[in-house]
């Protein structure tokens, strides 16, 4: 009788939220899941990458901002992140993935393009 030995399927665990993803044997990918960032010391899922971008957007804001202004900055940080992550995605795709309006994405894209001169 022969026994098959299988190596464990590769897995990734987000350092921020702790979610783990792995693939079924025979379906191993060539790298981490789409949208994940993996470097020498950190691994982050797409949700946490979006959240970190949102937090960074309002970290530089003054302490006198209202709750509504902070929410707008967080939303804008997520939109900017998605535009920079994949500039070829349509405004509609980005809006759907973030649960925001297409006009908000269009406005952010125009402002980013004006700021970078593209």
C-alpha atoms as a PDB file:
ATOM      1  CA  UNK A   1       0.000   0.000   0.000  1.00  0.00           C
ATOM      2  CA  UNK A   2       1.342   3.423  -0.886  1.00  0.00           C
ATOM      3  CA  UNK A   3       0.553   6.559   0.938  1.00  0.00           C
ATOM      4  CA  UNK A   4       0.449   9.903  -0.706  1.00  0.00           C
ATOM      5  CA  UNK A   5       2.174  12.708   1.059  1.00  0.00           C
ATOM      6  CA  UNK A   6       0.947  16.167   0.445  1.00  0.00           C
ATOM      7  CA  UNK A   7       2.501  19.367   1.524  1.00  0.00           C
ATOM      8  CA  UNK A   8       0.212  21.765   3.312  1.00  0.00           C
ATOM      9  CA  UNK A   9      -1.522  24.236   1.045  1.00  0.00           C
ATOM     10  CA  UNK A  10      -0.057  27.735   1.220  1.00  0.00           C
ATOM     11  CA  UNK A  11      -1.962  30.118   3.447  1.00  0.00           C
ATOM     12  CA  UNK A  12      -1.873  33.792   4.311  1.00  0.00           C
ATOM     13  CA  UNK A  13      -3.013  35.477   7.526  1.00  0.00           C
ATOM     14  CA  UNK A  14      -3.703  39.188   7.727  1.00  0.00           C
ATOM     15  CA  UNK A  15      -1.612  40.829  10.456  1.00  0.00           C
ATOM     16  CA  UNK A  16      -4.345  43.336  11.207  1.00  0.00           C
ATOM     17  CA  UNK A  17      -7.633  41.404  11.335  1.00  0.00           C
ATOM     18  CA  UNK A  18      -6.377  37.825  11.549  1.00  0.00           C
ATOM     19  CA  UNK A  19      -8.361  36.449   8.611  1.00  0.00           C
ATOM     20  CA  UNK A  20      -6.660  33.457   7.004  1.00  0.00           C
ATOM     21  CA  UNK A  21      -7.072  32.250   3.457  1.00  0.00           C
ATOM     22  CA  UNK A  22      -5.843  29.050   1.874  1.00  0.00           C
ATOM     23  CA  UNK A  23      -6.577  27.108  -1.253  1.00  0.00           C
ATOM     24  CA  UNK A  24      -7.769  23.576  -1.766  1.00  0.00           C
ATOM     25  CA  UNK A  25      -5.148  21.043  -2.800  1.00  0.00           C
ATOM     26  CA  UNK A  26      -4.714  21.116  -6.545  1.00  0.00           C
ATOM     27  CA  UNK A  27      -5.795  24.752  -6.779  1.00  0.00           C
ATOM     28  CA  UNK A  28      -2.699  26.412  -5.374  1.00  0.00           C
ATOM     29  CA  UNK A  29      -2.128  29.919  -6.703  1.00  0.00           C
ATOM     30  CA  UNK A  30       1.189  31.364  -7.759  1.00  0.00           C
ATOM     31  CA  UNK A  31       1.084  33.898  -4.932  1.00  0.00           C
ATOM     32  CA  UNK A  32      -1.128  35.593  -2.376  1.00  0.00           C
ATOM     33  CA  UNK A  33      -4.816  36.213  -3.092  1.00  0.00           C
ATOM     34  CA  UNK A  34      -5.761  39.126  -5.314  1.00  0.00           C
ATOM     35  CA  UNK A  35      -5.744  42.388  -3.420  1.00  0.00           C
ATOM     36  CA  UNK A  36      -3.516  41.175  -0.586  1.00  0.00           C
ATOM     37  CA  UNK A  37      -0.187  42.806   0.115  1.00  0.00           C
ATOM     38  CA  UNK A  38       2.643  40.660   1.374  1.00  0.00           C
ATOM     39  CA  UNK A  39       6.106  41.886   2.235  1.00  0.00           C
ATOM     40  CA  UNK A  40       8.861  40.755   4.576  1.00  0.00           C
ATOM     41  CA  UNK A  41       7.129  41.790   7.788  1.00  0.00           C
ATOM     42  CA  UNK A  42       3.452  42.411   7.006  1.00  0.00           C
ATOM     43  CA  UNK A  43       0.555  40.696   5.315  1.00  0.00           C
ATOM     44  CA  UNK A  44      -2.718  42.557   4.830  1.00  0.00           C
ATOM     45  CA  UNK A  45      -6.003  41.564   3.229  1.00  0.00           C
ATOM     46  CA  UNK A  46      -7.761  43.947   0.848  1.00  0.00           C
ATOM     47  CA  UNK A  47     -10.270  45.066   3.477  1.00  0.00           C
ATOM     48  CA  UNK A  48      -7.511  46.042   5.893  1.00  0.00           C
ATOM     49  CA  UNK A  49      -5.548  47.750   3.133  1.00  0.00           C
ATOM     50  CA  UNK A  50      -8.628  49.858   2.395  1.00  0.00           C
ATOM     51  CA  UNK A  51      -9.114  50.596   6.094  1.00  0.00           C
ATOM     52  CA  UNK A  52      -5.480  51.616   6.504  1.00  0.00           C
ATOM     53  CA  UNK A  53      -5.796  53.997   3.545  1.00  0.00           C
ATOM     54  CA  UNK A  54      -8.944  55.473   5.081  1.00  0.00           C
ATOM     55  CA  UNK A  55      -7.243  55.943   8.443  1.00  0.00           C
ATOM     56  CA  UNK A  56      -4.208  57.537   6.818  1.00  0.00           C
ATOM     57  CA  UNK A  57      -6.484  59.993   5.032  1.00  0.00           C
ATOM     58  CA  UNK A  58      -7.798  61.470   8.251  1.00  0.00           C
ATOM     59  CA  UNK A  59      -4.723  60.987  10.445  1.00  0.00           C
ATOM     60  CA  UNK A  60      -3.276  64.181   8.994  1.00  0.00           C
ATOM     61  CA  UNK A  61      -6.476  66.150   9.579  1.00  0.00           C
ATOM     62  CA  UNK A  62      -6.897  68.573  12.425  1.00  0.00           C
ATOM     63  CA  UNK A  63      -8.579  67.579  15.684  1.00  0.00           C
ATOM     64  CA  UNK A  64     -11.413  70.066  15.155  1.00  0.00           C
ATOM     65  CA  UNK A  65     -13.067  68.088  12.352  1.00  0.00           C
ATOM     66  CA  UNK A  66     -16.631  66.968  12.813  1.00  0.00           C
ATOM     67  CA  UNK A  67     -17.624  63.317  12.690  1.00  0.00           C
ATOM     68  CA  UNK A  68     -19.129  63.909   9.239  1.00  0.00           C
ATOM     69  CA  UNK A  69     -15.906  65.463   7.941  1.00  0.00           C
ATOM     70  CA  UNK A  70     -13.890  62.516   9.238  1.00  0.00           C
ATOM     71  CA  UNK A  71     -16.305  60.100   7.549  1.00  0.00           C
ATOM     72  CA  UNK A  72     -15.877  61.973   4.269  1.00  0.00           C
ATOM     73  CA  UNK A  73     -12.086  61.823   4.594  1.00  0.00           C
ATOM     74  CA  UNK A  74     -12.210  58.081   5.309  1.00  0.00           C
ATOM     75  CA  UNK A  75     -14.434  57.488   2.273  1.00  0.00           C
ATOM     76  CA  UNK A  76     -12.159  59.583   0.103  1.00  0.00           C
ATOM     77  CA  UNK A  77      -9.110  57.689   1.356  1.00  0.00           C
ATOM     78  CA  UNK A  78     -10.702  54.402   0.303  1.00  0.00           C
ATOM     79  CA  UNK A  79     -11.636  55.773  -3.117  1.00  0.00           C
ATOM     80  CA  UNK A  80      -8.138  57.166  -3.701  1.00  0.00           C
ATOM     81  CA  UNK A  81      -6.639  53.832  -2.645  1.00  0.00           C
ATOM     82  CA  UNK A  82      -8.779  51.905  -5.137  1.00  0.00           C
ATOM     83  CA  UNK A  83      -8.013  54.313  -7.981  1.00  0.00           C
ATOM     84  CA  UNK A  84      -4.278  54.087  -7.305  1.00  0.00           C
ATOM     85  CA  UNK A  85      -4.415  50.311  -6.782  1.00  0.00           C
ATOM     86  CA  UNK A  86      -5.931  49.682 -10.194  1.00  0.00           C
ATOM     87  CA  UNK A  87      -6.272  52.800 -12.352  1.00  0.00           C
ATOM     88  CA  UNK A  88      -7.713  50.791 -15.244  1.00  0.00           C
ATOM     89  CA  UNK A  89     -10.836  49.801 -13.299  1.00  0.00           C
ATOM     90  CA  UNK A  90     -13.951  51.687 -14.267  1.00  0.00           C
ATOM     91  CA  UNK A  91     -15.522  54.218 -11.952  1.00  0.00           C
ATOM     92  CA  UNK A  92     -18.590  51.994 -11.690  1.00  0.00           C
ATOM     93  CA  UNK A  93     -16.545  48.968 -10.607  1.00  0.00           C
ATOM     94  CA  UNK A  94     -14.761  50.984  -7.935  1.00  0.00           C
ATOM     95  CA  UNK A  95     -18.005  52.524  -6.685  1.00  0.00           C
ATOM     96  CA  UNK A  96     -19.665  49.109  -6.476  1.00  0.00           C
ATOM     97  CA  UNK A  97     -16.736  47.549  -4.608  1.00  0.00           C
ATOM     98  CA  UNK A  98     -16.754  50.367  -2.034  1.00  0.00           C
ATOM     99  CA  UNK A  99     -20.501  50.927  -1.802  1.00  0.00           C
ATOM    100  CA  UNK A 100     -20.222  54.562  -2.820  1.00  0.00           C
ATOM    101  CA  UNK A 101     -21.542  56.663  -5.686  1.00  0.00           C
ATOM    102  CA  UNK A 102     -20.030  56.793  -9.158  1.00  0.00           C
ATOM    103  CA  UNK A 103     -19.904  60.623  -9.031  1.00  0.00           C
ATOM    104  CA  UNK A 104     -17.752  60.404  -5.879  1.00  0.00           C
ATOM    105  CA  UNK A 105     -15.261  58.196  -7.738  1.00  0.00           C
ATOM    106  CA  UNK A 106     -15.315  60.472 -10.795  1.00  0.00           C
ATOM    107  CA  UNK A 107     -14.600  63.508  -8.599  1.00  0.00           C
ATOM    108  CA  UNK A 108     -11.761  61.756  -6.785  1.00  0.00           C
ATOM    109  CA  UNK A 109     -10.232  60.483 -10.033  1.00  0.00           C
ATOM    110  CA  UNK A 110     -10.308  63.977 -11.564  1.00  0.00           C
ATOM    111  CA  UNK A 111      -8.694  65.502  -8.478  1.00  0.00           C
ATOM    112  CA  UNK A 112      -5.989  62.805  -8.394  1.00  0.00           C
ATOM    113  CA  UNK A 113      -5.276  63.298 -12.082  1.00  0.00           C
ATOM    114  CA  UNK A 114      -5.061  67.077 -11.614  1.00  0.00           C
ATOM    115  CA  UNK A 115      -2.725  66.665  -8.639  1.00  0.00           C
ATOM    116  CA  UNK A 116      -0.413  64.266 -10.463  1.00  0.00           C
ATOM    117  CA  UNK A 117      -0.629  65.936 -13.861  1.00  0.00           C
ATOM    118  CA  UNK A 118      -1.745  62.798 -15.697  1.00  0.00           C
END
